[in-house]
Amino acid sequence: MSSRRPIYIPKHIPDPNYIRILDTTLRDGEQSPGASMTPKEKLHIARQLAKLGVDIIEAGFLLPRYLRQGMGGRKVCQIPENTSSEREFLYEILCEVIKAGATTIDIGDIGGYCLPREFGQFIVDIKDNTPGIENVIIRVHCHNDLGLAVANTLEGVFAGARQVEVTINGIGERP
């Protein structure tokens, strides 16, 4: 993995081995029971995430003007789909959103029930069957209902995903 953060250029992946970190602690994490934060606490967390070198901070319900950053030309397509989706239809939809200008495709195990091998194969199948996918970033978003979010996220990376959605200590909307 490269230690230098590549410059973001839409429809061009300068370093295909670089893994982008998208931290959603300030949005998804705050939905965890008992995890509400004051604006001052949110700002502190955002500053610490920036110091850690997190690529993208999803600011959630607090979006002060000094945290706002443009998407820099990024267009994201999030797919509420998982490995039980009708595959051919999914590949067709992904192809169309890429043609329409999507630069990041978000693939999730939002049910939190995929096994790591299944989730990794799902990413491989998407890469093998979606024209134009080589020009976009595949992002994975995994829930932890069965305690497999980290394993599934890593399998997604091993299979070719280049952006991961994470939270500090794995906090999120569902235990």
N, C-alpha and C. Protein backbone atom coordinates (compact mmCIF):
# COMPACT_ATOMS: atom_id res chain seq x y z
N MET A 1 0.84 -1.18 0.00
CA MET A 1 0.00 0.00 0.00
C MET A 1 0.89 1.24 0.00
N SER A 2 0.53 2.20 -0.82
CA SER A 2 1.29 3.44 -0.93
C SER A 2 1.08 4.30 0.30
N SER A 3 2.13 5.01 0.71
CA SER A 3 2.02 5.88 1.88
C SER A 3 1.60 7.30 1.49
N ARG A 4 1.66 7.65 0.22
CA ARG A 4 1.27 8.98 -0.24
C ARG A 4 -0.15 8.97 -0.72
N ARG A 5 -0.90 9.97 -0.29
CA ARG A 5 -2.29 10.11 -0.72
C ARG A 5 -2.31 10.64 -2.14
N PRO A 6 -2.87 9.89 -3.09
CA PRO A 6 -2.91 10.38 -4.47
C PRO A 6 -3.94 11.50 -4.62
N ILE A 7 -3.69 12.38 -5.55
CA ILE A 7 -4.63 13.45 -5.87
C ILE A 7 -5.85 12.82 -6.52
N TYR A 8 -7.04 13.27 -6.12
CA TYR A 8 -8.27 12.74 -6.70
C TYR A 8 -8.51 13.36 -8.07
N ILE A 9 -8.65 12.51 -9.08
CA ILE A 9 -8.97 12.93 -10.44
C ILE A 9 -10.14 12.06 -10.89
N PRO A 10 -11.32 12.66 -11.18
CA PRO A 10 -12.47 11.86 -11.61
C PRO A 10 -12.14 10.99 -12.82
N LYS A 11 -12.63 9.77 -12.77
CA LYS A 11 -12.47 8.80 -13.86
C LYS A 11 -11.02 8.38 -14.08
N HIS A 12 -10.17 8.61 -13.08
CA HIS A 12 -8.78 8.20 -13.18
C HIS A 12 -8.30 7.77 -11.80
N ILE A 13 -7.73 6.60 -11.72
CA ILE A 13 -7.23 6.09 -10.46
C ILE A 13 -5.70 6.05 -10.57
N PRO A 14 -5.02 7.09 -10.03
CA PRO A 14 -3.58 7.17 -10.20
C PRO A 14 -2.80 6.08 -9.49
N ASP A 15 -3.29 5.62 -8.36
CA ASP A 15 -2.61 4.54 -7.62
C ASP A 15 -3.65 3.50 -7.26
N PRO A 16 -3.77 2.43 -8.05
CA PRO A 16 -4.82 1.43 -7.82
C PRO A 16 -4.64 0.65 -6.52
N ASN A 17 -3.52 0.81 -5.85
CA ASN A 17 -3.30 0.10 -4.58
C ASN A 17 -3.61 0.94 -3.35
N TYR A 18 -3.89 2.22 -3.53
CA TYR A 18 -4.17 3.10 -2.40
C TYR A 18 -5.58 2.83 -1.88
N ILE A 19 -5.71 2.66 -0.56
CA ILE A 19 -7.01 2.43 0.07
C ILE A 19 -7.44 3.72 0.75
N ARG A 20 -8.58 4.26 0.32
CA ARG A 20 -9.12 5.48 0.93
C ARG A 20 -9.96 5.11 2.16
N ILE A 21 -9.82 5.93 3.20
CA ILE A 21 -10.59 5.72 4.43
C ILE A 21 -11.66 6.80 4.51
N LEU A 22 -12.92 6.38 4.59
CA LEU A 22 -14.04 7.28 4.80
C LEU A 22 -14.56 6.98 6.21
N ASP A 23 -14.41 7.93 7.12
CA ASP A 23 -14.87 7.72 8.49
C ASP A 23 -16.25 8.34 8.66
N THR A 24 -17.19 7.54 9.14
CA THR A 24 -18.56 7.99 9.30
C THR A 24 -19.00 8.03 10.78
N THR A 25 -18.00 8.14 11.67
CA THR A 25 -18.30 8.21 13.11
C THR A 25 -19.27 9.34 13.44
N LEU A 26 -19.12 10.48 12.79
CA LEU A 26 -19.95 11.64 13.11
C LEU A 26 -21.36 11.53 12.56
N ARG A 27 -21.64 10.54 11.72
CA ARG A 27 -23.00 10.31 11.23
C ARG A 27 -23.51 8.96 11.71
N ASP A 28 -22.98 7.89 11.15
CA ASP A 28 -23.45 6.55 11.49
C ASP A 28 -23.14 6.23 12.95
N GLY A 29 -21.97 6.63 13.41
CA GLY A 29 -21.59 6.36 14.79
C GLY A 29 -22.50 7.02 15.80
N GLU A 30 -22.95 8.22 15.47
CA GLU A 30 -23.82 8.93 16.41
C GLU A 30 -25.20 8.29 16.51
N GLN A 31 -25.54 7.45 15.56
CA GLN A 31 -26.83 6.77 15.61
C GLN A 31 -26.83 5.60 16.59
N SER A 32 -25.67 5.26 17.11
CA SER A 32 -25.55 4.20 18.10
C SER A 32 -26.18 4.65 19.41
N PRO A 33 -26.94 3.79 20.07
CA PRO A 33 -27.56 4.18 21.33
C PRO A 33 -26.52 4.70 22.33
N GLY A 34 -26.79 5.87 22.89
CA GLY A 34 -25.91 6.46 23.88
C GLY A 34 -24.69 7.16 23.32
N ALA A 35 -24.61 7.31 22.00
CA ALA A 35 -23.40 7.90 21.40
C ALA A 35 -23.61 9.32 20.90
N SER A 36 -24.65 9.99 21.37
CA SER A 36 -24.85 11.37 20.90
C SER A 36 -23.69 12.24 21.39
N MET A 37 -23.36 13.24 20.58
CA MET A 37 -22.20 14.09 20.88
C MET A 37 -22.61 15.56 20.80
N THR A 38 -21.94 16.37 21.57
CA THR A 38 -22.14 17.81 21.49
C THR A 38 -21.40 18.33 20.27
N PRO A 39 -21.75 19.52 19.79
CA PRO A 39 -21.00 20.09 18.66
C PRO A 39 -19.51 20.20 18.97
N LYS A 40 -19.14 20.55 20.19
CA LYS A 40 -17.73 20.66 20.56
C LYS A 40 -17.04 19.29 20.47
N GLU A 41 -17.70 18.24 20.93
CA GLU A 41 -17.13 16.89 20.85
C GLU A 41 -16.98 16.45 19.40
N LYS A 42 -17.97 16.76 18.57
CA LYS A 42 -17.89 16.41 17.15
C LYS A 42 -16.71 17.09 16.47
N LEU A 43 -16.54 18.36 16.79
CA LEU A 43 -15.43 19.10 16.20
C LEU A 43 -14.10 18.50 16.65
N HIS A 44 -14.00 18.13 17.91
CA HIS A 44 -12.78 17.51 18.43
C HIS A 44 -12.49 16.20 17.68
N ILE A 45 -13.51 15.38 17.51
CA ILE A 45 -13.34 14.11 16.79
C ILE A 45 -12.93 14.37 15.34
N ALA A 46 -13.58 15.33 14.69
CA ALA A 46 -13.24 15.64 13.30
C ALA A 46 -11.78 16.07 13.18
N ARG A 47 -11.33 16.88 14.12
CA ARG A 47 -9.93 17.32 14.09
C ARG A 47 -8.97 16.16 14.30
N GLN A 48 -9.31 15.25 15.20
CA GLN A 48 -8.46 14.09 15.44
C GLN A 48 -8.42 13.16 14.22
N LEU A 49 -9.57 12.99 13.57
CA LEU A 49 -9.61 12.17 12.36
C LEU A 49 -8.74 12.79 11.27
N ALA A 50 -8.80 14.11 11.15
CA ALA A 50 -7.95 14.80 10.17
C ALA A 50 -6.47 14.59 10.50
N LYS A 51 -6.12 14.66 11.78
CA LYS A 51 -4.73 14.43 12.17
C LYS A 51 -4.28 13.02 11.84
N LEU A 52 -5.20 12.06 11.94
CA LEU A 52 -4.88 10.68 11.60
C LEU A 52 -4.67 10.47 10.10
N GLY A 53 -5.11 11.43 9.32
CA GLY A 53 -4.95 11.31 7.87
C GLY A 53 -6.13 10.65 7.19
N VAL A 54 -7.28 10.61 7.84
CA VAL A 54 -8.48 10.05 7.22
C VAL A 54 -8.76 10.82 5.93
N ASP A 55 -9.03 10.11 4.86
CA ASP A 55 -9.23 10.75 3.56
C ASP A 55 -10.52 11.55 3.48
N ILE A 56 -11.61 10.97 3.99
CA ILE A 56 -12.92 11.62 3.90
C ILE A 56 -13.59 11.48 5.26
N ILE A 57 -14.09 12.60 5.79
CA ILE A 57 -14.82 12.59 7.05
C ILE A 57 -16.26 12.93 6.74
N GLU A 58 -17.15 11.99 7.00
CA GLU A 58 -18.57 12.26 6.81
C GLU A 58 -19.05 12.98 8.07
N ALA A 59 -19.32 14.26 7.93
CA ALA A 59 -19.58 15.11 9.09
C ALA A 59 -20.95 14.88 9.71
N GLY A 60 -21.84 14.22 9.03
CA GLY A 60 -23.12 13.87 9.62
C GLY A 60 -24.02 15.05 9.86
N PHE A 61 -24.60 15.08 11.04
CA PHE A 61 -25.63 16.06 11.35
C PHE A 61 -25.07 17.41 11.76
N LEU A 62 -23.77 17.49 11.91
CA LEU A 62 -23.11 18.77 12.19
C LEU A 62 -22.20 19.06 11.01
N LEU A 63 -22.46 20.13 10.32
CA LEU A 63 -21.66 20.45 9.16
C LEU A 63 -21.26 21.91 9.20
N PRO A 64 -20.37 22.28 10.14
CA PRO A 64 -19.95 23.67 10.21
C PRO A 64 -19.25 24.08 8.92
N ARG A 65 -19.29 25.37 8.64
CA ARG A 65 -18.71 25.85 7.38
C ARG A 65 -17.24 25.51 7.26
N TYR A 66 -16.52 25.42 8.38
CA TYR A 66 -15.09 25.12 8.29
C TYR A 66 -14.82 23.64 8.11
N LEU A 67 -15.84 22.78 8.20
CA LEU A 67 -15.65 21.36 7.89
C LEU A 67 -16.12 21.03 6.49
N ARG A 68 -16.93 21.91 5.90
CA ARG A 68 -17.45 21.64 4.57
C ARG A 68 -16.33 21.60 3.56
N GLN A 69 -16.34 20.58 2.76
CA GLN A 69 -15.39 20.50 1.65
C GLN A 69 -16.18 20.02 0.45
N GLY A 70 -15.89 20.61 -0.69
CA GLY A 70 -16.57 20.18 -1.91
C GLY A 70 -16.21 18.74 -2.22
N MET A 71 -17.03 18.11 -2.98
CA MET A 71 -16.78 16.72 -3.37
C MET A 71 -15.67 16.64 -4.42
N GLY A 72 -15.17 17.76 -4.88
CA GLY A 72 -14.05 17.74 -5.82
C GLY A 72 -14.36 16.99 -7.09
N GLY A 73 -15.60 17.08 -7.56
CA GLY A 73 -15.99 16.40 -8.78
C GLY A 73 -16.45 14.97 -8.57
N ARG A 74 -16.46 14.49 -7.33
CA ARG A 74 -16.88 13.11 -7.07
C ARG A 74 -18.39 12.97 -7.20
N LYS A 75 -18.80 11.90 -7.81
CA LYS A 75 -20.21 11.54 -7.88
C LYS A 75 -20.30 10.13 -7.35
N VAL A 76 -21.14 9.95 -6.34
CA VAL A 76 -21.21 8.65 -5.67
C VAL A 76 -22.53 7.99 -5.96
N CYS A 77 -22.47 6.71 -6.26
CA CYS A 77 -23.67 5.88 -6.40
C CYS A 77 -23.63 4.87 -5.27
N GLN A 78 -24.64 4.93 -4.39
CA GLN A 78 -24.68 3.96 -3.29
C GLN A 78 -25.64 2.86 -3.67
N ILE A 79 -25.24 1.65 -3.66
CA ILE A 79 -26.07 0.49 -3.99
C ILE A 79 -26.38 -0.27 -2.72
N PRO A 80 -28.54 0.11 -1.38
CA PRO A 80 -29.16 -0.54 -0.42
C PRO A 80 -29.10 -2.04 -0.71
N GLU A 81 -28.12 -2.59 -1.81
CA GLU A 81 -28.07 -3.99 -2.32
C GLU A 81 -27.02 -4.79 -1.58
N ASN A 82 -27.06 -6.17 -1.71
CA ASN A 82 -26.04 -7.05 -1.12
C ASN A 82 -25.96 -8.30 -1.97
N THR A 83 -25.37 -9.33 -1.45
CA THR A 83 -25.13 -10.51 -2.29
C THR A 83 -26.39 -11.23 -2.71
N SER A 84 -27.54 -10.90 -2.13
CA SER A 84 -28.77 -11.57 -2.55
C SER A 84 -29.42 -10.86 -3.74
N SER A 85 -28.84 -9.74 -4.19
CA SER A 85 -29.39 -8.99 -5.31
C SER A 85 -29.34 -9.82 -6.58
N GLU A 86 -30.27 -9.56 -7.48
CA GLU A 86 -30.24 -10.20 -8.78
C GLU A 86 -29.02 -9.67 -9.52
N ARG A 87 -28.06 -10.53 -9.74
CA ARG A 87 -26.75 -10.10 -10.22
C ARG A 87 -26.77 -9.39 -11.57
N GLU A 88 -27.39 -9.96 -12.57
CA GLU A 88 -27.36 -9.36 -13.91
C GLU A 88 -27.97 -7.97 -13.88
N PHE A 89 -29.06 -7.80 -13.13
CA PHE A 89 -29.69 -6.49 -13.01
C PHE A 89 -28.74 -5.51 -12.32
N LEU A 90 -28.08 -5.97 -11.28
CA LEU A 90 -27.13 -5.12 -10.56
C LEU A 90 -25.99 -4.66 -11.47
N TYR A 91 -25.42 -5.58 -12.25
CA TYR A 91 -24.33 -5.20 -13.16
C TYR A 91 -24.82 -4.16 -14.17
N GLU A 92 -26.03 -4.34 -14.66
CA GLU A 92 -26.61 -3.41 -15.63
C GLU A 92 -26.78 -2.02 -15.00
N ILE A 93 -27.31 -1.97 -13.79
CA ILE A 93 -27.50 -0.69 -13.10
C ILE A 93 -26.15 -0.02 -12.86
N LEU A 94 -25.18 -0.78 -12.38
CA LEU A 94 -23.86 -0.21 -12.12
C LEU A 94 -23.24 0.34 -13.41
N CYS A 95 -23.37 -0.37 -14.49
CA CYS A 95 -22.85 0.09 -15.78
C CYS A 95 -23.51 1.42 -16.17
N GLU A 96 -24.81 1.52 -15.97
CA GLU A 96 -25.53 2.75 -16.34
C GLU A 96 -25.14 3.93 -15.46
N VAL A 97 -24.95 3.71 -14.16
CA VAL A 97 -24.57 4.84 -13.29
C VAL A 97 -23.13 5.28 -13.58
N ILE A 98 -22.29 4.35 -14.00
CA ILE A 98 -20.93 4.72 -14.40
C ILE A 98 -21.00 5.57 -15.67
N LYS A 99 -21.81 5.13 -16.63
CA LYS A 99 -21.98 5.92 -17.86
C LYS A 99 -22.53 7.31 -17.55
N ALA A 100 -23.37 7.41 -16.51
CA ALA A 100 -23.97 8.69 -16.13
C ALA A 100 -23.01 9.58 -15.34
N GLY A 101 -21.83 9.05 -15.00
CA GLY A 101 -20.84 9.89 -14.36
C GLY A 101 -20.43 9.51 -12.95
N ALA A 102 -20.94 8.42 -12.40
CA ALA A 102 -20.53 8.02 -11.05
C ALA A 102 -19.03 7.74 -11.04
N THR A 103 -18.36 8.22 -10.00
CA THR A 103 -16.92 7.99 -9.86
C THR A 103 -16.61 7.08 -8.67
N THR A 104 -17.60 6.85 -7.82
CA THR A 104 -17.46 5.93 -6.69
C THR A 104 -18.73 5.10 -6.61
N ILE A 105 -18.56 3.80 -6.45
CA ILE A 105 -19.68 2.87 -6.29
C ILE A 105 -19.59 2.31 -4.88
N ASP A 106 -20.66 2.48 -4.09
CA ASP A 106 -20.71 2.02 -2.71
C ASP A 106 -21.46 0.70 -2.65
N ILE A 107 -20.76 -0.37 -2.29
CA ILE A 107 -21.37 -1.70 -2.19
C ILE A 107 -21.42 -2.08 -0.72
N GLY A 108 -22.60 -2.45 -0.27
CA GLY A 108 -22.73 -2.71 1.15
C GLY A 108 -23.26 -4.08 1.51
N ASP A 109 -22.87 -4.48 2.70
CA ASP A 109 -23.53 -5.59 3.38
C ASP A 109 -24.33 -4.93 4.50
N ILE A 110 -25.41 -4.26 4.08
CA ILE A 110 -26.16 -3.48 5.05
C ILE A 110 -27.05 -4.35 5.93
N GLY A 111 -27.26 -5.58 5.52
CA GLY A 111 -27.99 -6.51 6.38
C GLY A 111 -27.09 -7.07 7.47
N GLY A 112 -25.79 -7.01 7.24
CA GLY A 112 -24.83 -7.47 8.24
C GLY A 112 -24.77 -8.98 8.38
N TYR A 113 -25.18 -9.71 7.35
CA TYR A 113 -25.22 -11.16 7.48
C TYR A 113 -24.36 -11.92 6.48
N CYS A 114 -23.61 -11.24 5.63
CA CYS A 114 -22.74 -11.92 4.67
C CYS A 114 -21.56 -12.55 5.39
N LEU A 115 -21.13 -13.67 4.88
CA LEU A 115 -19.87 -14.25 5.33
C LEU A 115 -18.75 -13.62 4.52
N PRO A 116 -17.56 -13.49 5.08
CA PRO A 116 -16.47 -12.82 4.37
C PRO A 116 -16.21 -13.36 2.97
N ARG A 117 -16.17 -14.67 2.82
CA ARG A 117 -15.90 -15.24 1.50
C ARG A 117 -16.98 -14.82 0.49
N GLU A 118 -18.25 -14.80 0.92
CA GLU A 118 -19.34 -14.37 0.05
C GLU A 118 -19.18 -12.92 -0.36
N PHE A 119 -18.86 -12.07 0.61
CA PHE A 119 -18.75 -10.65 0.32
C PHE A 119 -17.58 -10.37 -0.62
N GLY A 120 -16.45 -11.00 -0.38
CA GLY A 120 -15.30 -10.84 -1.27
C GLY A 120 -15.62 -11.29 -2.69
N GLN A 121 -16.31 -12.43 -2.81
CA GLN A 121 -16.69 -12.93 -4.13
C GLN A 121 -17.67 -11.98 -4.82
N PHE A 122 -18.55 -11.36 -4.03
CA PHE A 122 -19.50 -10.38 -4.57
C PHE A 122 -18.74 -9.22 -5.23
N ILE A 123 -17.70 -8.72 -4.58
CA ILE A 123 -16.89 -7.64 -5.14
C ILE A 123 -16.17 -8.12 -6.40
N VAL A 124 -15.60 -9.32 -6.38
CA VAL A 124 -14.93 -9.88 -7.55
C VAL A 124 -15.91 -10.00 -8.71
N ASP A 125 -17.12 -10.50 -8.44
CA ASP A 125 -18.13 -10.65 -9.49
C ASP A 125 -18.52 -9.31 -10.09
N ILE A 126 -18.66 -8.30 -9.25
CA ILE A 126 -18.98 -6.95 -9.75
C ILE A 126 -17.85 -6.46 -10.66
N LYS A 127 -16.61 -6.63 -10.22
CA LYS A 127 -15.47 -6.19 -11.04
C LYS A 127 -15.41 -6.94 -12.36
N ASP A 128 -15.72 -8.23 -12.34
CA ASP A 128 -15.63 -9.06 -13.55
C ASP A 128 -16.77 -8.84 -14.53
N ASN A 129 -17.89 -8.29 -14.06
CA ASN A 129 -19.09 -8.24 -14.90
C ASN A 129 -19.65 -6.85 -15.14
N THR A 130 -18.95 -5.81 -14.74
CA THR A 130 -19.47 -4.46 -14.89
C THR A 130 -18.54 -3.64 -15.78
N PRO A 131 -18.95 -3.39 -17.03
CA PRO A 131 -18.13 -2.56 -17.92
C PRO A 131 -17.90 -1.18 -17.32
N GLY A 132 -16.67 -0.70 -17.38
CA GLY A 132 -16.32 0.63 -16.89
C GLY A 132 -15.93 0.68 -15.43
N ILE A 133 -16.07 -0.43 -14.71
CA ILE A 133 -15.80 -0.44 -13.26
C ILE A 133 -14.33 -0.15 -12.96
N GLU A 134 -13.45 -0.41 -13.93
CA GLU A 134 -12.02 -0.17 -13.71
C GLU A 134 -11.70 1.32 -13.57
N ASN A 135 -12.65 2.18 -13.93
CA ASN A 135 -12.43 3.62 -13.86
C ASN A 135 -13.09 4.29 -12.66
N VAL A 136 -13.67 3.51 -11.78
CA VAL A 136 -14.32 4.07 -10.60
C VAL A 136 -13.76 3.41 -9.33
N ILE A 137 -14.00 4.06 -8.22
CA ILE A 137 -13.57 3.52 -6.93
C ILE A 137 -14.71 2.69 -6.36
N ILE A 138 -14.40 1.48 -5.96
CA ILE A 138 -15.39 0.64 -5.28
C ILE A 138 -15.22 0.87 -3.78
N ARG A 139 -16.30 1.28 -3.14
CA ARG A 139 -16.30 1.53 -1.70
C ARG A 139 -17.16 0.46 -1.04
N VAL A 140 -16.72 -0.03 0.11
CA VAL A 140 -17.51 -1.02 0.85
C VAL A 140 -18.01 -0.44 2.16
N HIS A 141 -19.23 -0.85 2.50
CA HIS A 141 -19.92 -0.37 3.69
C HIS A 141 -20.56 -1.59 4.34
N CYS A 142 -19.99 -2.05 5.44
CA CYS A 142 -20.46 -3.29 6.06
C CYS A 142 -20.99 -3.04 7.47
N HIS A 143 -22.10 -3.68 7.79
CA HIS A 143 -22.68 -3.59 9.13
C HIS A 143 -22.23 -4.79 9.94
N ASN A 144 -22.36 -4.70 11.25
CA ASN A 144 -21.74 -5.66 12.16
C ASN A 144 -22.73 -6.54 12.90
N ASP A 145 -23.89 -6.79 12.34
CA ASP A 145 -24.93 -7.55 13.04
C ASP A 145 -24.44 -8.91 13.54
N LEU A 146 -23.61 -9.57 12.76
CA LEU A 146 -23.08 -10.88 13.16
C LEU A 146 -21.60 -10.81 13.55
N GLY A 147 -21.09 -9.59 13.76
CA GLY A 147 -19.69 -9.44 14.16
C GLY A 147 -18.71 -9.64 13.01
N LEU A 148 -19.17 -9.46 11.78
CA LEU A 148 -18.31 -9.73 10.62
C LEU A 148 -17.95 -8.50 9.80
N ALA A 149 -18.28 -7.30 10.29
CA ALA A 149 -18.04 -6.09 9.49
C ALA A 149 -16.57 -5.90 9.15
N VAL A 150 -15.68 -6.09 10.11
CA VAL A 150 -14.25 -5.90 9.83
C VAL A 150 -13.78 -6.96 8.83
N ALA A 151 -14.15 -8.20 9.06
CA ALA A 151 -13.74 -9.29 8.16
C ALA A 151 -14.28 -9.05 6.75
N ASN A 152 -15.54 -8.63 6.65
CA ASN A 152 -16.12 -8.37 5.32
C ASN A 152 -15.46 -7.17 4.64
N THR A 153 -15.16 -6.14 5.41
CA THR A 153 -14.48 -4.97 4.85
C THR A 153 -13.12 -5.37 4.30
N LEU A 154 -12.37 -6.15 5.08
CA LEU A 154 -11.05 -6.61 4.62
C LEU A 154 -11.17 -7.49 3.39
N GLU A 155 -12.15 -8.37 3.36
CA GLU A 155 -12.36 -9.21 2.16
C GLU A 155 -12.69 -8.35 0.95
N GLY A 156 -13.48 -7.28 1.17
CA GLY A 156 -13.78 -6.36 0.08
C GLY A 156 -12.51 -5.72 -0.46
N VAL A 157 -11.61 -5.33 0.44
CA VAL A 157 -10.33 -4.73 0.02
C VAL A 157 -9.48 -5.76 -0.72
N PHE A 158 -9.38 -6.98 -0.19
CA PHE A 158 -8.61 -8.03 -0.86
C PHE A 158 -9.16 -8.31 -2.25
N ALA A 159 -10.48 -8.12 -2.42
CA ALA A 159 -11.13 -8.39 -3.71
C ALA A 159 -11.05 -7.21 -4.66
N GLY A 160 -10.58 -6.04 -4.18
CA GLY A 160 -10.38 -4.92 -5.08
C GLY A 160 -11.06 -3.61 -4.70
N ALA A 161 -11.81 -3.58 -3.61
CA ALA A 161 -12.38 -2.31 -3.17
C ALA A 161 -11.24 -1.39 -2.77
N ARG A 162 -11.38 -0.09 -3.05
CA ARG A 162 -10.31 0.85 -2.75
C ARG A 162 -10.75 2.00 -1.85
N GLN A 163 -11.94 1.85 -1.25
CA GLN A 163 -12.38 2.81 -0.25
C GLN A 163 -13.23 2.05 0.76
N VAL A 164 -13.01 2.32 2.04
CA VAL A 164 -13.77 1.64 3.09
C VAL A 164 -14.47 2.67 3.97
N GLU A 165 -15.68 2.33 4.40
CA GLU A 165 -16.42 3.15 5.36
C GLU A 165 -16.22 2.53 6.73
N VAL A 166 -15.76 3.34 7.67
CA VAL A 166 -15.47 2.84 9.00
C VAL A 166 -15.94 3.85 10.04
N THR A 167 -15.99 3.41 11.31
CA THR A 167 -16.23 4.30 12.42
C THR A 167 -15.23 3.97 13.53
N ILE A 168 -15.01 4.93 14.40
CA ILE A 168 -14.14 4.71 15.56
C ILE A 168 -14.78 3.62 16.43
N ASN A 169 -14.00 2.64 16.79
CA ASN A 169 -14.45 1.52 17.63
C ASN A 169 -15.65 0.77 17.08
N GLY A 170 -15.96 0.93 15.79
CA GLY A 170 -17.06 0.18 15.18
C GLY A 170 -18.44 0.61 15.63
N ILE A 171 -18.58 1.79 16.25
CA ILE A 171 -19.91 2.20 16.70
C ILE A 171 -20.78 2.49 15.49
N GLY A 172 -22.07 2.26 15.64
CA GLY A 172 -22.97 2.49 14.52
C GLY A 172 -24.41 2.37 14.95
N GLU A 173 -25.31 2.44 13.96
CA GLU A 173 -26.73 2.48 14.27
C GLU A 173 -27.26 1.18 14.84
N ARG A 174 -26.60 0.07 14.56
CA ARG A 174 -27.07 -1.21 15.11
C ARG A 174 -25.94 -1.85 15.87
N PRO A 175 -26.26 -2.49 17.00
CA PRO A 175 -25.20 -3.14 17.79
C PRO A 175 -24.60 -4.31 17.04
